[in-house]
All heavy atoms as atom14 arrays in JSON, in Angstrom:
{
  "sequence": "FTISRDNAKNTVYLQMNSLKPEDTAIYYCAAVPNLKNRVFALCFSY",
  "atom14_mask": [
    [1, 1, 1, 1, 1, 1, 1, 1, 1, 1, 1, 0, 0, 0],
    [1, 1, 1, 1, 1, 1, 1, 0, 0, 0, 0, 0, 0, 0],
    [1, 1, 1, 1, 1, 1, 1, 1, 0, 0, 0, 0, 0, 0],
    [1, 1, 1, 1, 1, 1, 0, 0, 0, 0, 0, 0, 0, 0],
    [1, 1, 1, 1, 1, 1, 1, 1, 1, 1, 1, 0, 0, 0],
    [1, 1, 1, 1, 1, 1, 1, 1, 0, 0, 0, 0, 0, 0],
    [1, 1, 1, 1, 1, 1, 1, 1, 0, 0, 0, 0, 0, 0],
    [1, 1, 1, 1, 1, 0, 0, 0, 0, 0, 0, 0, 0, 0],
    [1, 1, 1, 1, 1, 1, 1, 1, 1, 0, 0, 0, 0, 0],
    [1, 1, 1, 1, 1, 1, 1, 1, 0, 0, 0, 0, 0, 0],
    [1, 1, 1, 1, 1, 1, 1, 0, 0, 0, 0, 0, 0, 0],
    [1, 1, 1, 1, 1, 1, 1, 0, 0, 0, 0, 0, 0, 0],
    [1, 1, 1, 1, 1, 1, 1, 1, 1, 1, 1, 1, 0, 0],
    [1, 1, 1, 1, 1, 1, 1, 1, 0, 0, 0, 0, 0, 0],
    [1, 1, 1, 1, 1, 1, 1, 1, 1, 0, 0, 0, 0, 0],
    [1, 1, 1, 1, 1, 1, 1, 1, 0, 0, 0, 0, 0, 0],
    [1, 1, 1, 1, 1, 1, 1, 1, 0, 0, 0, 0, 0, 0],
    [1, 1, 1, 1, 1, 1, 0, 0, 0, 0, 0, 0, 0, 0],
    [1, 1, 1, 1, 1, 1, 1, 1, 0, 0, 0, 0, 0, 0],
    [1, 1, 1, 1, 1, 1, 1, 1, 1, 0, 0, 0, 0, 0],
    [1, 1, 1, 1, 1, 1, 1, 0, 0, 0, 0, 0, 0, 0],
    [1, 1, 1, 1, 1, 1, 1, 1, 1, 0, 0, 0, 0, 0],
    [1, 1, 1, 1, 1, 1, 1, 1, 0, 0, 0, 0, 0, 0],
    [1, 1, 1, 1, 1, 1, 1, 0, 0, 0, 0, 0, 0, 0],
    [1, 1, 1, 1, 1, 0, 0, 0, 0, 0, 0, 0, 0, 0],
    [1, 1, 1, 1, 1, 1, 1, 1, 0, 0, 0, 0, 0, 0],
    [1, 1, 1, 1, 1, 1, 1, 1, 1, 1, 1, 1, 0, 0],
    [1, 1, 1, 1, 1, 1, 1, 1, 1, 1, 1, 1, 0, 0],
    [1, 1, 1, 1, 1, 1, 0, 0, 0, 0, 0, 0, 0, 0],
    [1, 1, 1, 1, 1, 0, 0, 0, 0, 0, 0, 0, 0, 0],
    [1, 1, 1, 1, 1, 0, 0, 0, 0, 0, 0, 0, 0, 0],
    [1, 1, 1, 1, 1, 1, 1, 0, 0, 0, 0, 0, 0, 0],
    [1, 1, 1, 1, 1, 1, 1, 0, 0, 0, 0, 0, 0, 0],
    [1, 1, 1, 1, 1, 1, 1, 1, 0, 0, 0, 0, 0, 0],
    [1, 1, 1, 1, 1, 1, 1, 1, 0, 0, 0, 0, 0, 0],
    [1, 1, 1, 1, 1, 1, 1, 1, 1, 0, 0, 0, 0, 0],
    [1, 1, 1, 1, 1, 1, 1, 1, 0, 0, 0, 0, 0, 0],
    [1, 1, 1, 1, 1, 1, 1, 1, 1, 1, 1, 0, 0, 0],
    [1, 1, 1, 1, 1, 1, 1, 0, 0, 0, 0, 0, 0, 0],
    [1, 1, 1, 1, 1, 1, 1, 1, 1, 1, 1, 0, 0, 0],
    [1, 1, 1, 1, 1, 0, 0, 0, 0, 0, 0, 0, 0, 0],
    [1, 1, 1, 1, 1, 1, 1, 1, 0, 0, 0, 0, 0, 0],
    [1, 1, 1, 1, 1, 1, 0, 0, 0, 0, 0, 0, 0, 0],
    [1, 1, 1, 1, 1, 1, 1, 1, 1, 1, 1, 0, 0, 0],
    [1, 1, 1, 1, 1, 1, 0, 0, 0, 0, 0, 0, 0, 0],
    [1, 1, 1, 1, 1, 1, 1, 1, 1, 1, 1, 1, 0, 0]
  ],
  "atom14_positions": [
    [[108.17, 110.81, 117.34], [106.84, 111.24, 116.91], [106.2, 110.15, 116.05], [106.88, 109.47, 115.28], [106.93, 112.52, 116.08], [107.29, 113.76, 116.85], [107.8, 113.71, 118.13], [107.15, 115.01, 116.25], [108.14, 114.86, 118.83], [107.49, 116.17, 116.91], [107.98, 116.09, 118.2], [0.0, 0.0, 0.0], [0.0, 0.0, 0.0], [0.0, 0.0, 0.0]],
    [[104.89, 110.05, 116.16], [104.13, 109.11, 115.33], [102.89, 109.82, 114.79], [102.14, 110.41, 115.56], [103.7, 107.88, 116.14], [104.85, 107.24, 116.7], [102.95, 106.89, 115.25], [0.0, 0.0, 0.0], [0.0, 0.0, 0.0], [0.0, 0.0, 0.0], [0.0, 0.0, 0.0], [0.0, 0.0, 0.0], [0.0, 0.0, 0.0], [0.0, 0.0, 0.0]],
    [[102.7, 109.72, 113.49], [101.51, 110.29, 112.88], [100.52, 109.16, 112.59], [100.92, 108.06, 112.2], [101.86, 111.08, 111.59], [100.64, 111.84, 111.07], [102.46, 110.17, 110.53], [100.98, 112.81, 109.94], [0.0, 0.0, 0.0], [0.0, 0.0, 0.0], [0.0, 0.0, 0.0], [0.0, 0.0, 0.0], [0.0, 0.0, 0.0], [0.0, 0.0, 0.0]],
    [[99.25, 109.43, 112.81], [98.22, 108.43, 112.53], [96.94, 109.16, 112.13], [96.83, 110.38, 112.29], [97.98, 107.55, 113.75], [97.5, 108.31, 114.85], [0.0, 0.0, 0.0], [0.0, 0.0, 0.0], [0.0, 0.0, 0.0], [0.0, 0.0, 0.0], [0.0, 0.0, 0.0], [0.0, 0.0, 0.0], [0.0, 0.0, 0.0], [0.0, 0.0, 0.0]],
    [[95.99, 108.4, 111.64], [94.73, 109.02, 111.24], [93.58, 108.09, 111.53], [93.73, 106.86, 111.49], [94.75, 109.41, 109.76], [94.84, 108.28, 108.78], [95.15, 108.81, 107.38], [94.11, 109.71, 106.91], [94.31, 110.65, 105.98], [95.5, 110.79, 105.42], [93.31, 111.43, 105.6], [0.0, 0.0, 0.0], [0.0, 0.0, 0.0], [0.0, 0.0, 0.0]],
    [[92.43, 108.7, 111.8], [91.18, 107.99, 111.98], [90.19, 108.63, 111.03], [89.57, 109.66, 111.37], [90.71, 108.07, 113.43], [89.48, 107.23, 113.72], [88.77, 106.89, 112.75], [89.24, 106.93, 114.89], [0.0, 0.0, 0.0], [0.0, 0.0, 0.0], [0.0, 0.0, 0.0], [0.0, 0.0, 0.0], [0.0, 0.0, 0.0], [0.0, 0.0, 0.0]],
    [[90.05, 108.06, 109.85], [89.18, 108.69, 108.85], [87.72, 108.68, 109.29], [86.95, 109.55, 108.87], [89.35, 107.98, 107.51], [90.65, 108.38, 106.81], [91.34, 109.32, 107.24], [91.0, 107.66, 105.76], [0.0, 0.0, 0.0], [0.0, 0.0, 0.0], [0.0, 0.0, 0.0], [0.0, 0.0, 0.0], [0.0, 0.0, 0.0], [0.0, 0.0, 0.0]],
    [[87.36, 107.74, 110.13], [85.97, 107.7, 110.62], [85.67, 108.93, 111.48], [84.55, 109.41, 111.52], [85.72, 106.43, 111.41], [0.0, 0.0, 0.0], [0.0, 0.0, 0.0], [0.0, 0.0, 0.0], [0.0, 0.0, 0.0], [0.0, 0.0, 0.0], [0.0, 0.0, 0.0], [0.0, 0.0, 0.0], [0.0, 0.0, 0.0], [0.0, 0.0, 0.0]],
    [[86.71, 109.43, 112.16], [86.56, 110.62, 112.98], [87.03, 111.88, 112.25], [87.02, 112.96, 112.84], [87.34, 110.47, 114.29], [86.8, 109.37, 115.19], [87.57, 109.3, 116.5], [86.97, 108.23, 117.42], [87.71, 108.14, 118.71], [0.0, 0.0, 0.0], [0.0, 0.0, 0.0], [0.0, 0.0, 0.0], [0.0, 0.0, 0.0], [0.0, 0.0, 0.0]],
    [[87.47, 111.68, 110.99], [87.93, 112.83, 110.2], [89.04, 113.6, 110.92], [89.08, 114.84, 110.89], [86.76, 113.76, 109.87], [86.83, 114.31, 108.46], [87.46, 113.73, 107.58], [86.18, 115.43, 108.24], [0.0, 0.0, 0.0], [0.0, 0.0, 0.0], [0.0, 0.0, 0.0], [0.0, 0.0, 0.0], [0.0, 0.0, 0.0], [0.0, 0.0, 0.0]],
    [[89.94, 112.85, 111.52], [90.97, 113.45, 112.37], [92.32, 112.76, 112.15], [92.37, 111.55, 111.94], [90.58, 113.34, 113.87], [89.32, 113.99, 114.07], [91.62, 113.98, 114.76], [0.0, 0.0, 0.0], [0.0, 0.0, 0.0], [0.0, 0.0, 0.0], [0.0, 0.0, 0.0], [0.0, 0.0, 0.0], [0.0, 0.0, 0.0], [0.0, 0.0, 0.0]],
    [[93.37, 113.56, 112.2], [94.74, 113.06, 112.13], [95.43, 113.45, 113.44], [95.18, 114.53, 113.97], [95.48, 113.64, 110.92], [96.94, 113.24, 110.92], [94.79, 113.19, 109.63], [0.0, 0.0, 0.0], [0.0, 0.0, 0.0], [0.0, 0.0, 0.0], [0.0, 0.0, 0.0], [0.0, 0.0, 0.0], [0.0, 0.0, 0.0], [0.0, 0.0, 0.0]],
    [[96.3, 112.57, 113.9], [96.96, 112.78, 115.18], [98.48, 112.84, 115.01], [99.03, 112.24, 114.09], [96.62, 111.64, 116.15], [95.15, 111.45, 116.35], [94.46, 110.47, 115.64], [94.44, 112.24, 117.24], [93.1, 110.28, 115.81], [93.07, 112.06, 117.43], [92.41, 111.08, 116.71], [91.06, 110.91, 116.89], [0.0, 0.0, 0.0], [0.0, 0.0, 0.0]],
    [[99.11, 113.53, 115.93], [100.57, 113.51, 116.01], [100.93, 113.24, 117.46], [100.76, 114.11, 118.31], [101.18, 114.83, 115.54], [102.7, 114.85, 115.5], [103.22, 113.9, 114.41], [103.23, 116.27, 115.25], [0.0, 0.0, 0.0], [0.0, 0.0, 0.0], [0.0, 0.0, 0.0], [0.0, 0.0, 0.0], [0.0, 0.0, 0.0], [0.0, 0.0, 0.0]],
    [[101.37, 112.02, 117.72], [101.82, 111.64, 119.06], [103.28, 112.02, 119.19], [104.11, 111.56, 118.41], [101.63, 110.14, 119.28], [102.11, 109.66, 120.63], [101.29, 110.2, 121.79], [100.06, 110.22, 121.71], [101.94, 110.64, 122.86], [0.0, 0.0, 0.0], [0.0, 0.0, 0.0], [0.0, 0.0, 0.0], [0.0, 0.0, 0.0], [0.0, 0.0, 0.0]],
    [[103.57, 112.85, 120.18], [104.93, 113.35, 120.36], [105.44, 112.9, 121.72], [104.89, 113.29, 122.76], [104.94, 114.89, 120.28], [104.32, 115.42, 119.0], [104.5, 117.2, 118.81], [103.57, 117.77, 120.23], [0.0, 0.0, 0.0], [0.0, 0.0, 0.0], [0.0, 0.0, 0.0], [0.0, 0.0, 0.0], [0.0, 0.0, 0.0], [0.0, 0.0, 0.0]],
    [[106.47, 112.08, 121.7], [107.08, 111.57, 122.93], [108.51, 112.07, 123.05], [109.09, 112.57, 122.08], [107.08, 110.04, 122.92], [105.68, 109.45, 122.86], [104.73, 110.02, 123.39], [105.55, 108.3, 122.21], [0.0, 0.0, 0.0], [0.0, 0.0, 0.0], [0.0, 0.0, 0.0], [0.0, 0.0, 0.0], [0.0, 0.0, 0.0], [0.0, 0.0, 0.0]],
    [[109.06, 111.94, 124.25], [110.45, 112.34, 124.51], [110.71, 113.75, 123.98], [111.71, 113.99, 123.29], [111.42, 111.34, 123.88], [111.19, 110.04, 124.36], [0.0, 0.0, 0.0], [0.0, 0.0, 0.0], [0.0, 0.0, 0.0], [0.0, 0.0, 0.0], [0.0, 0.0, 0.0], [0.0, 0.0, 0.0], [0.0, 0.0, 0.0], [0.0, 0.0, 0.0]],
    [[109.83, 114.64, 124.3], [109.93, 116.0, 123.76], [111.18, 116.71, 124.27], [111.62, 116.51, 125.42], [108.68, 116.79, 124.11], [107.47, 116.45, 123.23], [106.17, 116.89, 123.89], [107.61, 117.09, 121.87], [0.0, 0.0, 0.0], [0.0, 0.0, 0.0], [0.0, 0.0, 0.0], [0.0, 0.0, 0.0], [0.0, 0.0, 0.0], [0.0, 0.0, 0.0]],
    [[111.72, 117.55, 123.4], [112.93, 118.3, 123.69], [112.63, 119.79, 123.57], [111.71, 120.18, 122.85], [114.02, 117.93, 122.69], [114.34, 116.45, 122.6], [115.35, 116.19, 121.5], [115.68, 114.71, 121.38], [116.68, 114.44, 120.3], [0.0, 0.0, 0.0], [0.0, 0.0, 0.0], [0.0, 0.0, 0.0], [0.0, 0.0, 0.0], [0.0, 0.0, 0.0]],
    [[113.42, 120.63, 124.22], [113.2, 122.08, 124.09], [113.2, 122.54, 122.62], [112.46, 123.47, 122.27], [114.37, 122.67, 124.87], [114.66, 121.64, 125.92], [114.44, 120.33, 125.23], [0.0, 0.0, 0.0], [0.0, 0.0, 0.0], [0.0, 0.0, 0.0], [0.0, 0.0, 0.0], [0.0, 0.0, 0.0], [0.0, 0.0, 0.0], [0.0, 0.0, 0.0]],
    [[113.99, 121.91, 121.8], [114.04, 122.3, 120.39], [112.79, 121.92, 119.61], [112.65, 122.29, 118.44], [115.29, 121.72, 119.7], [115.48, 120.24, 119.87], [116.43, 119.91, 121.02], [116.35, 120.55, 122.09], [117.27, 119.0, 120.83], [0.0, 0.0, 0.0], [0.0, 0.0, 0.0], [0.0, 0.0, 0.0], [0.0, 0.0, 0.0], [0.0, 0.0, 0.0]],
    [[111.87, 121.2, 120.22], [110.59, 120.92, 119.59], [109.59, 122.06, 119.78], [108.5, 122.04, 119.23], [109.97, 119.64, 120.17], [110.78, 118.4, 119.84], [111.24, 118.28, 118.69], [110.96, 117.55, 120.74], [0.0, 0.0, 0.0], [0.0, 0.0, 0.0], [0.0, 0.0, 0.0], [0.0, 0.0, 0.0], [0.0, 0.0, 0.0], [0.0, 0.0, 0.0]],
    [[109.97, 123.05, 120.58], [109.11, 124.19, 120.81], [108.83, 124.94, 119.52], [109.76, 125.33, 118.81], [109.75, 125.15, 121.83], [109.86, 124.48, 123.1], [108.92, 126.41, 122.0], [0.0, 0.0, 0.0], [0.0, 0.0, 0.0], [0.0, 0.0, 0.0], [0.0, 0.0, 0.0], [0.0, 0.0, 0.0], [0.0, 0.0, 0.0], [0.0, 0.0, 0.0]],
    [[107.55, 125.11, 119.2], [107.15, 125.74, 117.95], [105.63, 125.81, 117.9], [104.94, 125.23, 118.74], [107.67, 124.95, 116.75], [0.0, 0.0, 0.0], [0.0, 0.0, 0.0], [0.0, 0.0, 0.0], [0.0, 0.0, 0.0], [0.0, 0.0, 0.0], [0.0, 0.0, 0.0], [0.0, 0.0, 0.0], [0.0, 0.0, 0.0], [0.0, 0.0, 0.0]],
    [[105.15, 126.51, 116.89], [103.73, 126.42, 116.55], [103.6, 125.28, 115.54], [104.34, 125.26, 114.54], [103.2, 127.73, 115.96], [103.35, 128.86, 116.97], [101.72, 127.57, 115.57], [102.95, 130.22, 116.42], [0.0, 0.0, 0.0], [0.0, 0.0, 0.0], [0.0, 0.0, 0.0], [0.0, 0.0, 0.0], [0.0, 0.0, 0.0], [0.0, 0.0, 0.0]],
    [[102.69, 124.38, 115.82], [102.49, 123.22, 114.95], [101.21, 123.41, 114.12], [100.16, 123.77, 114.66], [102.39, 121.95, 115.79], [103.72, 121.48, 116.29], [104.41, 122.18, 117.29], [104.33, 120.34, 115.78], [105.65, 121.77, 117.74], [105.58, 119.91, 116.23], [106.22, 120.63, 117.19], [107.46, 120.2, 117.64], [0.0, 0.0, 0.0], [0.0, 0.0, 0.0]],
    [[101.35, 123.16, 112.84], [100.24, 123.31, 111.9], [99.98, 121.98, 111.2], [100.92, 121.26, 110.87], [100.58, 124.34, 110.83], [100.91, 125.72, 111.33], [102.22, 126.08, 111.66], [99.91, 126.69, 111.46], [102.52, 127.34, 112.11], [100.21, 127.97, 111.91], [101.52, 128.28, 112.23], [101.82, 129.55, 112.67], [0.0, 0.0, 0.0], [0.0, 0.0, 0.0]],
    [[98.71, 121.71, 110.92], [98.41, 120.6, 110.02], [97.92, 121.18, 108.7], [97.42, 122.32, 108.64], [97.38, 119.64, 110.62], [95.73, 120.31, 110.89], [0.0, 0.0, 0.0], [0.0, 0.0, 0.0], [0.0, 0.0, 0.0], [0.0, 0.0, 0.0], [0.0, 0.0, 0.0], [0.0, 0.0, 0.0], [0.0, 0.0, 0.0], [0.0, 0.0, 0.0]],
    [[98.08, 120.4, 107.65], [97.72, 120.84, 106.31], [97.23, 119.64, 105.51], [97.62, 118.5, 105.78], [98.91, 121.5, 105.62], [0.0, 0.0, 0.0], [0.0, 0.0, 0.0], [0.0, 0.0, 0.0], [0.0, 0.0, 0.0], [0.0, 0.0, 0.0], [0.0, 0.0, 0.0], [0.0, 0.0, 0.0], [0.0, 0.0, 0.0], [0.0, 0.0, 0.0]],
    [[96.37, 119.92, 104.53], [95.78, 118.86, 103.73], [95.9, 119.16, 102.24], [95.76, 120.32, 101.82], [94.3, 118.68, 104.1], [0.0, 0.0, 0.0], [0.0, 0.0, 0.0], [0.0, 0.0, 0.0], [0.0, 0.0, 0.0], [0.0, 0.0, 0.0], [0.0, 0.0, 0.0], [0.0, 0.0, 0.0], [0.0, 0.0, 0.0], [0.0, 0.0, 0.0]],
    [[96.15, 118.13, 101.46], [96.22, 118.25, 100.01], [95.65, 116.96, 99.41], [95.87, 115.88, 99.94], [97.68, 118.49, 99.55], [98.57, 117.3, 99.85], [97.73, 118.84, 98.07], [0.0, 0.0, 0.0], [0.0, 0.0, 0.0], [0.0, 0.0, 0.0], [0.0, 0.0, 0.0], [0.0, 0.0, 0.0], [0.0, 0.0, 0.0], [0.0, 0.0, 0.0]],
    [[94.9, 117.05, 98.29], [94.35, 115.84, 97.69], [95.43, 114.85, 97.3], [96.52, 115.24, 96.87], [93.62, 116.37, 96.45], [93.26, 117.77, 96.79], [94.41, 118.25, 97.61], [0.0, 0.0, 0.0], [0.0, 0.0, 0.0], [0.0, 0.0, 0.0], [0.0, 0.0, 0.0], [0.0, 0.0, 0.0], [0.0, 0.0, 0.0], [0.0, 0.0, 0.0]],
    [[95.13, 113.59, 97.47], [96.08, 112.53, 97.15], [95.96, 112.2, 95.67], [95.07, 111.46, 95.26], [95.78, 111.29, 97.99], [96.79, 110.19, 97.74], [97.93, 110.46, 97.4], [96.37, 108.95, 97.91], [0.0, 0.0, 0.0], [0.0, 0.0, 0.0], [0.0, 0.0, 0.0], [0.0, 0.0, 0.0], [0.0, 0.0, 0.0], [0.0, 0.0, 0.0]],
    [[96.82, 112.73, 94.85], [96.81, 112.5, 93.41], [97.81, 111.41, 93.06], [98.86, 111.29, 93.69], [97.14, 113.79, 92.66], [96.21, 114.96, 92.93], [96.65, 116.17, 92.12], [94.78, 114.6, 92.63], [0.0, 0.0, 0.0], [0.0, 0.0, 0.0], [0.0, 0.0, 0.0], [0.0, 0.0, 0.0], [0.0, 0.0, 0.0], [0.0, 0.0, 0.0]],
    [[97.5, 110.63, 92.02], [98.32, 109.47, 91.69], [99.74, 109.84, 91.29], [100.65, 109.06, 91.45], [97.64, 108.68, 90.57], [96.4, 107.95, 91.03], [95.83, 107.08, 89.91], [94.61, 106.32, 90.37], [94.05, 105.47, 89.3], [0.0, 0.0, 0.0], [0.0, 0.0, 0.0], [0.0, 0.0, 0.0], [0.0, 0.0, 0.0], [0.0, 0.0, 0.0]],
    [[99.94, 111.0, 90.73], [101.27, 111.35, 90.25], [102.17, 111.93, 91.34], [103.3, 112.31, 91.07], [101.18, 112.34, 89.08], [100.51, 113.65, 89.49], [99.83, 113.71, 90.5], [100.7, 114.67, 88.7], [0.0, 0.0, 0.0], [0.0, 0.0, 0.0], [0.0, 0.0, 0.0], [0.0, 0.0, 0.0], [0.0, 0.0, 0.0], [0.0, 0.0, 0.0]],
    [[101.65, 111.99, 92.55], [102.47, 112.55, 93.63], [103.42, 111.48, 94.16], [103.05, 110.33, 94.34], [101.59, 113.04, 94.78], [100.7, 114.22, 94.44], [100.06, 114.75, 95.71], [99.01, 115.72, 95.43], [99.2, 117.0, 95.19], [100.43, 117.47, 95.19], [98.18, 117.81, 94.98], [0.0, 0.0, 0.0], [0.0, 0.0, 0.0], [0.0, 0.0, 0.0]],
    [[104.63, 111.89, 94.44], [105.62, 111.02, 95.07], [105.53, 111.27, 96.56], [105.87, 112.37, 97.04], [107.03, 111.31, 94.55], [108.05, 110.43, 95.29], [107.1, 111.09, 93.04], [0.0, 0.0, 0.0], [0.0, 0.0, 0.0], [0.0, 0.0, 0.0], [0.0, 0.0, 0.0], [0.0, 0.0, 0.0], [0.0, 0.0, 0.0], [0.0, 0.0, 0.0]],
    [[105.08, 110.28, 97.31], [104.83, 110.5, 98.73], [106.06, 110.95, 99.48], [105.99, 111.73, 100.42], [104.23, 109.25, 99.37], [103.88, 109.45, 100.82], [102.77, 110.19, 101.19], [104.71, 108.95, 101.82], [102.46, 110.41, 102.52], [104.41, 109.16, 103.16], [103.29, 109.89, 103.51], [0.0, 0.0, 0.0], [0.0, 0.0, 0.0], [0.0, 0.0, 0.0]],
    [[107.23, 110.46, 99.06], [108.46, 110.82, 99.75], [108.7, 112.33, 99.73], [109.49, 112.84, 100.53], [109.65, 110.09, 99.13], [0.0, 0.0, 0.0], [0.0, 0.0, 0.0], [0.0, 0.0, 0.0], [0.0, 0.0, 0.0], [0.0, 0.0, 0.0], [0.0, 0.0, 0.0], [0.0, 0.0, 0.0], [0.0, 0.0, 0.0], [0.0, 0.0, 0.0]],
    [[108.05, 113.02, 98.83], [108.21, 114.47, 98.72], [107.07, 115.23, 99.41], [106.84, 116.4, 99.11], [108.27, 114.87, 97.24], [109.38, 114.22, 96.42], [109.27, 114.66, 94.97], [110.74, 114.54, 96.99], [0.0, 0.0, 0.0], [0.0, 0.0, 0.0], [0.0, 0.0, 0.0], [0.0, 0.0, 0.0], [0.0, 0.0, 0.0], [0.0, 0.0, 0.0]],
    [[106.39, 114.57, 100.32], [105.18, 115.16, 100.9], [105.44, 116.48, 101.61], [104.55, 117.32, 101.7], [104.5, 114.18, 101.85], [105.5, 113.66, 103.26], [0.0, 0.0, 0.0], [0.0, 0.0, 0.0], [0.0, 0.0, 0.0], [0.0, 0.0, 0.0], [0.0, 0.0, 0.0], [0.0, 0.0, 0.0], [0.0, 0.0, 0.0], [0.0, 0.0, 0.0]],
    [[106.65, 116.7, 102.14], [106.92, 117.98, 102.79], [106.95, 119.13, 101.79], [106.83, 120.29, 102.18], [108.24, 117.93, 103.56], [108.23, 117.02, 104.75], [109.42, 116.48, 105.23], [107.05, 116.69, 105.4], [109.42, 115.63, 106.34], [107.05, 115.84, 106.49], [108.25, 115.32, 106.97], [0.0, 0.0, 0.0], [0.0, 0.0, 0.0], [0.0, 0.0, 0.0]],
    [[107.13, 118.81, 100.52], [107.23, 119.84, 99.49], [105.93, 120.09, 98.74], [105.88, 120.97, 97.87], [108.32, 119.46, 98.48], [109.56, 119.29, 99.12], [0.0, 0.0, 0.0], [0.0, 0.0, 0.0], [0.0, 0.0, 0.0], [0.0, 0.0, 0.0], [0.0, 0.0, 0.0], [0.0, 0.0, 0.0], [0.0, 0.0, 0.0], [0.0, 0.0, 0.0]],
    [[104.89, 119.34, 99.05], [103.61, 119.54, 98.36], [103.09, 120.96, 98.61], [103.36, 121.57, 99.64], [102.55, 118.57, 98.89], [102.74, 117.11, 98.58], [101.91, 116.15, 99.15], [103.73, 116.65, 97.71], [102.06, 114.8, 98.9], [103.89, 115.3, 97.45], [103.04, 114.38, 98.04], [103.2, 113.04, 97.78], [0.0, 0.0, 0.0], [0.0, 0.0, 0.0]]
  ]
}
């Protein structure tokens, strides 16, 4: 999988290749303001 963004189009993409049955799910996107004190490595926990 590769995540990318085009801020000019106000859109974020998720390119998913070599998909497996275990990738079956409902996929959601979410947004949170980028604050300086955030540790990016913890982005799944925001």
